[in-house]
C-alpha atoms as a PDB file:
ATOM      1  CA  UNK A   1     -11.794  -4.191  12.540  1.00  0.00           C
ATOM      2  CA  UNK A   2      -8.865  -4.610  10.188  1.00  0.00           C
ATOM      3  CA  UNK A   3      -8.343  -5.645   6.584  1.00  0.00           C
ATOM      4  CA  UNK A   4      -5.525  -6.832   4.360  1.00  0.00           C
ATOM      5  CA  UNK A   5      -5.430  -5.013   1.034  1.00  0.00           C
ATOM      6  CA  UNK A   6      -3.305  -5.353  -2.077  1.00  0.00           C
ATOM      7  CA  UNK A   7      -1.981  -2.417  -4.071  1.00  0.00           C
ATOM      8  CA  UNK A   8       0.924  -2.316  -6.530  1.00  0.00           C
ATOM      9  CA  UNK A   9       1.627  -6.010  -5.950  1.00  0.00           C
ATOM     10  CA  UNK A  10       2.178  -5.559  -2.188  1.00  0.00           C
ATOM     11  CA  UNK A  11      -0.066  -6.408   0.748  1.00  0.00           C
ATOM     12  CA  UNK A  12      -0.812  -4.107   3.697  1.00  0.00           C
ATOM     13  CA  UNK A  13      -2.678  -4.622   6.981  1.00  0.00           C
ATOM     14  CA  UNK A  14      -4.904  -1.578   7.517  1.00  0.00           C
ATOM     15  CA  UNK A  15      -7.231  -0.255  10.208  1.00  0.00           C
ATOM     16  CA  UNK A  16      -9.290   2.918  10.419  1.00  0.00           C
ATOM     17  CA  UNK A  17      -7.193   5.948  11.323  1.00  0.00           C
ATOM     18  CA  UNK A  18      -3.715   4.610  10.480  1.00  0.00           C
ATOM     19  CA  UNK A  19      -1.339   5.941   7.816  1.00  0.00           C
ATOM     20  CA  UNK A  20       0.453   3.685   5.338  1.00  0.00           C
ATOM     21  CA  UNK A  21       3.101   4.353   2.694  1.00  0.00           C
ATOM     22  CA  UNK A  22       2.321   2.703  -0.643  1.00  0.00           C
ATOM     23  CA  UNK A  23       3.833   2.871  -4.110  1.00  0.00           C
ATOM     24  CA  UNK A  24       2.961   6.103  -5.914  1.00  0.00           C
ATOM     25  CA  UNK A  25      -0.745   6.523  -6.676  1.00  0.00           C
ATOM     26  CA  UNK A  26      -1.923   9.202  -9.085  1.00  0.00           C
ATOM     27  CA  UNK A  27      -3.875  11.885  -7.243  1.00  0.00           C
ATOM     28  CA  UNK A  28      -3.535  15.133  -5.344  1.00  0.00           C
ATOM     29  CA  UNK A  29      -3.481  15.910  -1.630  1.00  0.00           C
ATOM     30  CA  UNK A  30      -6.806  15.413   0.107  1.00  0.00           C
ATOM     31  CA  UNK A  31      -8.168  13.250  -2.696  1.00  0.00           C
ATOM     32  CA  UNK A  32     -10.078  10.080  -1.794  1.00  0.00           C
ATOM     33  CA  UNK A  33      -8.612   6.699  -2.754  1.00  0.00           C
ATOM     34  CA  UNK A  34     -10.603   3.454  -2.887  1.00  0.00           C
ATOM     35  CA  UNK A  35      -8.919   0.076  -2.466  1.00  0.00           C
ATOM     36  CA  UNK A  36     -11.195  -2.687  -3.752  1.00  0.00           C
ATOM     37  CA  UNK A  37      -8.623  -5.511  -3.728  1.00  0.00           C
ATOM     38  CA  UNK A  38      -9.354  -6.736  -0.201  1.00  0.00           C
ATOM     39  CA  UNK A  39      -7.914 -10.151   0.646  1.00  0.00           C
ATOM     40  CA  UNK A  40      -9.088 -10.564   4.256  1.00  0.00           C
ATOM     41  CA  UNK A  41     -11.370  -8.793   6.754  1.00  0.00           C
ATOM     42  CA  UNK A  42     -11.444  -9.363  10.513  1.00  0.00           C
ATOM     43  CA  UNK A  43     -14.575  -7.868  12.068  1.00  0.00           C
ATOM     44  CA  UNK A  44     -14.397  -8.469  15.855  1.00  0.00           C
ATOM     45  CA  UNK A  45     -13.385 -12.102  15.543  1.00  0.00           C
ATOM     46  CA  UNK A  46     -15.417 -12.862  12.420  1.00  0.00           C
ATOM     47  CA  UNK A  47     -12.876 -13.485   9.670  1.00  0.00           C
ATOM     48  CA  UNK A  48     -13.815 -13.241   5.986  1.00  0.00           C
ATOM     49  CA  UNK A  49     -11.208 -14.522   3.545  1.00  0.00           C
ATOM     50  CA  UNK A  50     -11.335 -14.103  -0.190  1.00  0.00           C
ATOM     51  CA  UNK A  51     -10.610 -16.491  -3.012  1.00  0.00           C
ATOM     52  CA  UNK A  52      -8.665 -14.371  -3.902  1.00  0.00           C
ATOM     53  CA  UNK A  53     -10.786 -11.267  -3.076  1.00  0.00           C
ATOM     54  CA  UNK A  54     -13.520 -10.688  -0.512  1.00  0.00           C
ATOM     55  CA  UNK A  55     -16.682  -9.568  -2.353  1.00  0.00           C
ATOM     56  CA  UNK A  56     -18.526  -6.467  -1.160  1.00  0.00           C
ATOM     57  CA  UNK A  57     -15.667  -4.958   0.889  1.00  0.00           C
ATOM     58  CA  UNK A  58     -14.157  -1.548   0.203  1.00  0.00           C
ATOM     59  CA  UNK A  59     -11.372   0.346   1.989  1.00  0.00           C
ATOM     60  CA  UNK A  60     -11.461   4.135   1.668  1.00  0.00           C
ATOM     61  CA  UNK A  61      -8.436   6.333   2.312  1.00  0.00           C
ATOM     62  CA  UNK A  62      -7.283   9.917   1.805  1.00  0.00           C
ATOM     63  CA  UNK A  63      -3.996  11.005   0.247  1.00  0.00           C
ATOM     64  CA  UNK A  64      -1.953  12.804   2.894  1.00  0.00           C
ATOM     65  CA  UNK A  65       1.432  13.156   1.178  1.00  0.00           C
ATOM     66  CA  UNK A  66       3.186  12.556  -2.149  1.00  0.00           C
ATOM     67  CA  UNK A  67       6.952  12.363  -1.709  1.00  0.00           C
ATOM     68  CA  UNK A  68      10.159  10.433  -2.331  1.00  0.00           C
ATOM     69  CA  UNK A  69      11.843   8.079   0.128  1.00  0.00           C
ATOM     70  CA  UNK A  70      15.411   8.311   1.404  1.00  0.00           C
ATOM     71  CA  UNK A  71      18.195   7.786  -1.110  1.00  0.00           C
ATOM     72  CA  UNK A  72      19.692   4.338  -1.426  1.00  0.00           C
ATOM     73  CA  UNK A  73      23.127   3.796  -2.950  1.00  0.00           C
ATOM     74  CA  UNK A  74      23.543   1.155  -5.653  1.00  0.00           C
ATOM     75  CA  UNK A  75      27.165   0.089  -6.192  1.00  0.00           C
ATOM     76  CA  UNK A  76      28.216  -2.231  -8.996  1.00  0.00           C
ATOM     77  CA  UNK A  77      31.693  -3.716  -9.351  1.00  0.00           C
ATOM     78  CA  UNK A  78      33.368  -6.395 -11.461  1.00  0.00           C
ATOM     79  CA  UNK A  79      36.457  -7.956  -9.904  1.00  0.00           C
ATOM     80  CA  UNK A  80      39.748  -7.645 -11.829  1.00  0.00           C
ATOM     81  CA  UNK A  81      38.111  -5.637 -14.640  1.00  0.00           C
ATOM     82  CA  UNK A  82      38.340  -2.073 -13.304  1.00  0.00           C
ATOM     83  CA  UNK A  83      34.567  -1.619 -13.556  1.00  0.00           C
ATOM     84  CA  UNK A  84      32.929   0.415 -10.788  1.00  0.00           C
ATOM     85  CA  UNK A  85      29.656   2.262 -10.918  1.00  0.00           C
ATOM     86  CA  UNK A  86      27.806   4.115  -8.148  1.00  0.00           C
ATOM     87  CA  UNK A  87      24.273   5.405  -8.577  1.00  0.00           C
ATOM     88  CA  UNK A  88      21.548   6.556  -6.205  1.00  0.00           C
ATOM     89  CA  UNK A  89      17.808   5.955  -6.262  1.00  0.00           C
ATOM     90  CA  UNK A  90      14.845   7.613  -4.524  1.00  0.00           C
ATOM     91  CA  UNK A  91      11.528   5.790  -4.827  1.00  0.00           C
ATOM     92  CA  UNK A  92       8.285   7.780  -5.109  1.00  0.00           C
ATOM     93  CA  UNK A  93       5.596   6.959  -2.547  1.00  0.00           C
ATOM     94  CA  UNK A  94       2.137   8.066  -1.471  1.00  0.00           C
ATOM     95  CA  UNK A  95       1.130   8.286   2.172  1.00  0.00           C
ATOM     96  CA  UNK A  96      -2.530   7.356   2.662  1.00  0.00           C
ATOM     97  CA  UNK A  97      -4.636   7.759   5.806  1.00  0.00           C
ATOM     98  CA  UNK A  98      -7.277   5.028   6.041  1.00  0.00           C
ATOM     99  CA  UNK A  99     -10.690   6.569   6.739  1.00  0.00           C
ATOM    100  CA  UNK A 100     -12.967   3.551   6.895  1.00  0.00           C
ATOM    101  CA  UNK A 101     -13.473  -0.096   5.995  1.00  0.00           C
ATOM    102  CA  UNK A 102     -16.876  -0.820   4.490  1.00  0.00           C
ATOM    103  CA  UNK A 103     -17.853  -4.475   4.799  1.00  0.00           C
ATOM    104  CA  UNK A 104     -21.244  -5.590   3.597  1.00  0.00           C
ATOM    105  CA  UNK A 105     -22.675  -8.817   4.979  1.00  0.00           C
ATOM    106  CA  UNK A 106     -22.220 -11.792   2.620  1.00  0.00           C
ATOM    107  CA  UNK A 107     -25.379 -13.230   1.084  1.00  0.00           C
END
């Protein structure tokens, strides 16, 4: 069984037991996170798609890590003007371990 969820404007394909890195979510280590924006569920060949969300489906995860990603270098330059600027950026992220996908039968 897998599901496609949306969080922070991005979509992720999740299954029970996998870890995903998402944009920073407020919470501490070991805290439970519920994703209720589920766009699609595949339950052993039976596919439920939402318009835009699938009703009655919930994905539950646990926060494993709060950290920052690797540094990226941003370099700006204007030709013939003598303008150069170098800055770095490290994006915050939350690593979530998916515990279960709860899908209730549609009525």
